[in-house]
Amino acid sequence: MNQLLLTQSEAALRALGVACQSASRYYETASNVTHNDWRDFAANRSVAYRDMSRRIAELLKREEVLPGSPDEDMEWLKEIALRAQAAISGDEAGTLLKGCARTEQKVWDALGEFGFAGIPATSDATMKELAALVTEGFLWLGREKEALLKQEEN
């Protein structure tokens, strides 16, 4: 199928796949930049988003749509920026918290766009799992933010 003739739903699903790939790469970089609980969180998110992007690619292939991919140069620049921010800021946890929250928000927004376009029945289970994955990420980040604020108070 000509990529210019995608339906709104196909285009939104393709954008969601790209957002998941980008999130996976972000979290892979974050896991290399940080330590302890954050490393485990980021490594698990990287794998989860990589798996989700593969599932979305399979859904697209069933619809005879080629999956998209993030801009390699932009991803490389994001990696450099994350490493620099973590090194310069002196507040690694705060920097990662903001970056992770932005990453989760991008996937959430892409999921919302796909929902607005109309989720076909063939994508239903995958999208429910993705929504749960993003929600889980937001909840973890919320708990970490609370813990950071309590540390600052003491």
Protein backbone atom coordinates (compact mmCIF):
# COMPACT_ATOMS: atom_id res chain seq x y z
CA MET A 1 0.00 0.00 0.00
CA ASN A 2 1.20 3.49 -0.82
CA GLN A 3 2.32 5.11 2.44
CA LEU A 4 0.75 8.41 1.35
CA LEU A 5 -2.68 6.83 1.21
CA LEU A 6 -2.90 5.66 4.80
CA THR A 7 -6.17 5.90 6.64
CA GLN A 8 -6.23 8.05 9.74
CA SER A 9 -6.17 4.91 11.88
CA GLU A 10 -3.21 3.38 9.99
CA ALA A 11 -1.24 6.62 10.20
CA ALA A 12 -1.96 6.91 13.93
CA LEU A 13 -0.93 3.29 14.52
CA ARG A 14 2.27 3.90 12.58
CA ALA A 15 3.01 7.01 14.67
CA LEU A 16 2.33 5.00 17.83
CA GLY A 17 4.84 2.37 16.72
CA VAL A 18 7.44 5.09 16.14
CA ALA A 19 6.71 6.57 19.59
CA CYS A 20 7.24 3.14 21.19
CA GLN A 21 10.53 2.65 19.31
CA SER A 22 11.69 6.08 20.39
CA ALA A 23 10.69 5.36 24.00
CA SER A 24 12.61 2.10 23.91
CA ARG A 25 15.74 3.88 22.73
CA TYR A 26 15.36 6.63 25.30
CA TYR A 27 15.05 4.13 28.14
CA GLU A 28 17.98 2.11 26.82
CA THR A 29 20.13 5.24 26.98
CA ALA A 30 18.73 6.15 30.40
CA SER A 31 19.63 2.71 31.74
CA ASN A 32 23.22 3.30 30.65
CA VAL A 33 23.34 6.74 32.27
CA THR A 34 21.89 5.92 35.68
CA HIS A 35 22.17 3.37 38.47
CA ASN A 36 20.24 1.19 40.94
CA ASP A 37 16.43 1.33 40.84
CA TRP A 38 16.42 3.78 37.96
CA ARG A 39 18.63 1.46 35.87
CA ASP A 40 16.29 -1.46 36.48
CA PHE A 41 13.24 0.66 35.70
CA ALA A 42 14.76 2.06 32.51
CA ALA A 43 16.03 -1.32 31.31
CA ASN A 44 12.62 -2.93 31.87
CA ARG A 45 10.86 -0.06 30.09
CA SER A 46 13.25 -0.30 27.16
CA VAL A 47 12.47 -3.99 26.69
CA ALA A 48 8.73 -3.46 27.19
CA TYR A 49 8.54 -0.66 24.61
CA ARG A 50 10.73 -2.59 22.16
CA ASP A 51 8.36 -5.56 22.44
CA MET A 52 5.33 -3.30 22.05
CA SER A 53 6.79 -1.64 18.94
CA ARG A 54 7.33 -5.10 17.43
CA ARG A 55 3.71 -6.03 18.13
CA ILE A 56 2.56 -2.80 16.51
CA ALA A 57 4.78 -3.51 13.48
CA GLU A 58 3.07 -6.89 13.14
CA LEU A 59 -0.35 -5.23 13.27
CA LEU A 60 0.75 -2.82 10.56
CA LYS A 61 2.08 -5.61 8.36
CA ARG A 62 -1.28 -7.36 8.59
CA GLU A 63 -2.79 -4.17 7.21
CA GLU A 64 -0.07 -4.10 4.52
CA VAL A 65 1.39 -0.90 5.95
CA LEU A 66 5.13 -0.54 6.38
CA PRO A 67 6.07 0.29 9.96
CA GLY A 68 7.81 3.61 10.51
CA SER A 69 10.97 4.27 12.47
CA PRO A 70 12.32 7.22 14.42
CA ASP A 71 14.76 9.61 12.79
CA GLU A 72 18.19 8.11 13.57
CA ASP A 73 19.95 11.49 13.77
CA MET A 74 17.33 12.85 16.15
CA GLU A 75 17.58 9.77 18.37
CA TRP A 76 21.35 10.14 18.46
CA LEU A 77 21.05 13.80 19.44
CA LYS A 78 18.56 12.91 22.18
CA GLU A 79 21.05 10.38 23.56
CA ILE A 80 23.84 12.96 23.64
CA ALA A 81 21.53 15.51 25.27
CA LEU A 82 20.42 13.05 27.96
CA ARG A 83 23.99 12.12 28.81
CA ALA A 84 25.01 15.78 28.94
CA GLN A 85 22.03 16.81 31.07
CA ALA A 86 22.66 14.01 33.56
CA ALA A 87 26.35 14.90 33.80
CA ILE A 88 25.94 18.68 34.00
CA SER A 89 22.82 19.08 36.10
CA GLY A 90 24.11 17.44 39.24
CA ASP A 91 20.53 16.23 39.71
CA GLU A 92 20.53 12.95 37.83
CA ALA A 93 17.29 11.73 39.37
CA GLY A 94 15.43 14.96 38.61
CA THR A 95 16.73 15.03 35.05
CA LEU A 96 15.72 11.43 34.45
CA LEU A 97 12.35 11.93 36.11
CA LYS A 98 11.52 14.76 33.71
CA GLY A 99 12.84 12.88 30.68
CA CYS A 100 10.99 9.70 31.54
CA ALA A 101 7.77 11.61 32.16
CA ARG A 102 8.11 13.34 28.76
CA THR A 103 8.74 9.97 27.10
CA GLU A 104 5.69 8.38 28.70
CA GLN A 105 3.61 11.44 27.74
CA LYS A 106 4.65 11.12 24.07
CA VAL A 107 3.53 7.50 23.97
CA TRP A 108 0.31 8.37 25.81
CA ASP A 109 -0.41 11.16 23.32
CA ALA A 110 0.22 8.83 20.37
CA LEU A 111 -2.08 6.24 21.95
CA GLY A 112 -4.74 8.93 22.32
CA GLU A 113 -4.38 9.90 18.66
CA PHE A 114 -4.82 6.26 17.68
CA GLY A 115 -7.88 6.02 19.91
CA PHE A 116 -9.31 9.17 18.35
CA ALA A 117 -8.75 7.71 14.87
CA GLY A 118 -10.57 4.53 15.84
CA ILE A 119 -8.94 1.41 17.21
CA PRO A 120 -9.77 -1.65 15.09
CA ALA A 121 -10.76 -4.83 16.93
CA THR A 122 -7.52 -6.50 15.82
CA SER A 123 -5.54 -3.96 17.86
CA ASP A 124 -7.72 -3.99 20.97
CA ALA A 125 -5.65 -6.30 23.21
CA THR A 126 -2.34 -4.69 22.25
CA MET A 127 -3.65 -1.20 22.97
CA LYS A 128 -5.03 -2.23 26.36
CA GLU A 129 -1.62 -3.64 27.26
CA LEU A 130 0.10 -0.49 26.03
CA ALA A 131 -2.24 1.73 28.05
CA ALA A 132 -1.49 -0.38 31.14
CA LEU A 133 2.24 -0.14 30.42
CA VAL A 134 2.16 3.66 30.16
CA THR A 135 -0.02 3.96 33.26
CA GLU A 136 2.40 1.73 35.18
CA GLY A 137 5.23 4.03 34.11
CA PHE A 138 3.41 7.15 35.25
CA LEU A 139 2.63 5.54 38.62
CA TRP A 140 6.25 4.48 39.17
CA LEU A 141 7.49 7.94 38.25
CA GLY A 142 4.94 9.49 40.64
CA ARG A 143 6.20 7.35 43.51
CA GLU A 144 9.80 8.26 42.67
CA LYS A 145 8.92 11.96 42.56
CA GLU A 146 7.32 11.72 45.99
CA ALA A 147 10.40 9.95 47.34
CA LEU A 148 12.68 12.64 45.88
CA LEU A 149 10.59 15.41 47.41
CA LYS A 150 10.70 13.70 50.82
CA GLN A 151 14.49 13.41 50.55
CA GLU A 152 14.76 17.12 49.79
CA GLU A 153 12.62 17.95 52.84
CA ASN A 154 14.93 15.99 55.15
